[in-house]
């Protein structure tokens, strides 16, 4: 009889994306400490022109974001890193948000303060 072993490793969404995009080492790095005090100028609701993408940045460095047509909203923390904000959701997936003159740009969407 042959001894067949099956690998039953289960990856989360963030791990699979990190592996697929070649950034596995980024998915494993520890979460950086958040700065003391509230973020200046970023708290509040941000949305794109037609309201299909919304991002709410809280003063405690947490966020909640939603995209029309998706069942679940994204929740997590964010931090400022130079000219970027980096969102880190509950699964560990990190999303860069560019700070621009008009507002914010996230995944190709221009977001304006609501």
Protein backbone atom coordinates (compact mmCIF):
# COMPACT_ATOMS: atom_id res chain seq x y z
CA UNK A 1 0.00 0.00 0.00
CA UNK A 2 1.18 3.51 -0.80
CA UNK A 3 1.42 6.08 1.95
CA UNK A 4 -0.22 9.25 0.61
CA UNK A 5 0.15 12.42 2.58
CA UNK A 6 -2.06 15.41 1.94
CA UNK A 7 -1.08 18.97 2.81
CA UNK A 8 -4.02 20.58 4.57
CA UNK A 9 -2.52 24.03 5.01
CA UNK A 10 -5.21 26.69 4.88
CA UNK A 11 -4.30 30.21 3.79
CA UNK A 12 -6.32 33.32 4.56
CA UNK A 13 -7.22 35.87 1.91
CA UNK A 14 -4.34 38.19 2.80
CA UNK A 15 -1.82 35.36 2.68
CA UNK A 16 -3.04 34.18 -0.72
CA UNK A 17 -2.90 37.70 -2.13
CA UNK A 18 0.57 38.24 -0.71
CA UNK A 19 1.80 34.99 -2.24
CA UNK A 20 0.14 35.73 -5.59
CA UNK A 21 1.60 39.23 -5.74
CA UNK A 22 5.03 38.13 -4.55
CA UNK A 23 4.91 40.09 -1.29
CA UNK A 24 4.85 37.24 1.20
CA UNK A 25 7.51 38.88 3.33
CA UNK A 26 5.34 42.03 3.64
CA UNK A 27 2.39 39.99 4.87
CA UNK A 28 4.53 38.57 7.65
CA UNK A 29 6.08 41.79 8.92
CA UNK A 30 4.79 42.99 12.30
CA UNK A 31 2.22 45.76 12.45
CA UNK A 32 3.99 49.07 13.17
CA UNK A 33 3.04 51.09 16.21
CA UNK A 34 0.55 53.87 15.63
CA UNK A 35 1.61 57.42 16.50
CA UNK A 36 0.22 59.12 19.58
CA UNK A 37 -2.56 61.62 19.07
CA UNK A 38 -5.09 61.96 16.27
CA UNK A 39 -4.12 62.18 12.60
CA UNK A 40 -4.17 65.76 11.35
CA UNK A 41 -6.49 66.60 8.45
CA UNK A 42 -7.55 63.07 7.54
CA UNK A 43 -10.35 62.19 9.94
CA UNK A 44 -13.86 62.06 8.58
CA UNK A 45 -15.73 60.60 5.63
CA UNK A 46 -14.12 60.42 2.18
CA UNK A 47 -15.95 59.29 -0.96
CA UNK A 48 -15.59 59.25 -4.72
CA UNK A 49 -17.71 61.49 -6.98
CA UNK A 50 -20.57 59.01 -7.45
CA UNK A 51 -20.53 57.75 -3.84
CA UNK A 52 -19.76 54.13 -4.72
CA UNK A 53 -16.50 54.11 -2.73
CA UNK A 54 -16.51 55.39 0.85
CA UNK A 55 -13.73 55.58 3.42
CA UNK A 56 -14.25 56.74 7.00
CA UNK A 57 -11.03 57.58 8.85
CA UNK A 58 -11.42 57.87 12.63
CA UNK A 59 -9.30 59.89 15.08
CA UNK A 60 -8.19 56.68 16.84
CA UNK A 61 -6.37 55.53 13.66
CA UNK A 62 -9.09 53.04 12.71
CA UNK A 63 -11.02 53.02 9.44
CA UNK A 64 -14.02 51.50 7.74
CA UNK A 65 -14.40 51.43 3.98
CA UNK A 66 -17.08 50.21 1.60
CA UNK A 67 -17.46 49.68 -2.12
CA UNK A 68 -20.90 49.48 -3.77
CA UNK A 69 -21.71 45.90 -4.73
CA UNK A 70 -19.52 44.28 -2.08
CA UNK A 71 -21.22 42.49 0.77
CA UNK A 72 -18.78 43.34 3.53
CA UNK A 73 -17.08 46.55 4.44
CA UNK A 74 -13.36 46.63 5.20
CA UNK A 75 -12.31 47.54 8.73
CA UNK A 76 -8.92 47.98 10.31
CA UNK A 77 -6.30 50.55 11.16
CA UNK A 78 -4.30 53.06 9.17
CA UNK A 79 -1.06 54.97 9.53
CA UNK A 80 0.71 57.81 7.77
CA UNK A 81 3.90 56.98 5.91
CA UNK A 82 5.29 59.98 4.07
CA UNK A 83 2.88 60.96 1.28
CA UNK A 84 0.86 57.77 1.81
CA UNK A 85 -1.69 56.45 4.22
CA UNK A 86 -1.46 52.70 4.64
CA UNK A 87 -4.68 50.86 5.46
CA UNK A 88 -4.33 47.49 7.17
CA UNK A 89 -7.55 45.48 7.35
CA UNK A 90 -8.53 42.81 9.87
CA UNK A 91 -7.06 40.05 7.68
CA UNK A 92 -3.70 41.85 7.40
CA UNK A 93 -4.14 43.04 3.80
CA UNK A 94 -2.46 46.41 3.32
CA UNK A 95 -3.72 49.05 0.90
CA UNK A 96 -1.76 52.21 0.05
CA UNK A 97 -3.70 55.48 -0.19
CA UNK A 98 -1.96 58.39 -1.92
CA UNK A 99 -2.38 61.84 -0.37
CA UNK A 100 -2.99 64.20 -3.31
CA UNK A 101 -3.78 67.92 -3.65
CA UNK A 102 -7.48 67.25 -4.27
CA UNK A 103 -7.88 64.56 -1.61
CA UNK A 104 -6.99 60.88 -1.56
CA UNK A 105 -6.44 58.25 -4.25
CA UNK A 106 -7.10 54.62 -3.39
CA UNK A 107 -6.96 51.74 -5.89
CA UNK A 108 -7.55 54.14 -8.80
CA UNK A 109 -10.44 55.97 -7.11
CA UNK A 110 -10.24 59.67 -6.33
CA UNK A 111 -11.74 60.33 -2.90
CA UNK A 112 -12.93 63.73 -1.69
CA UNK A 113 -13.82 64.87 1.82
CA UNK A 114 -17.60 64.54 2.23
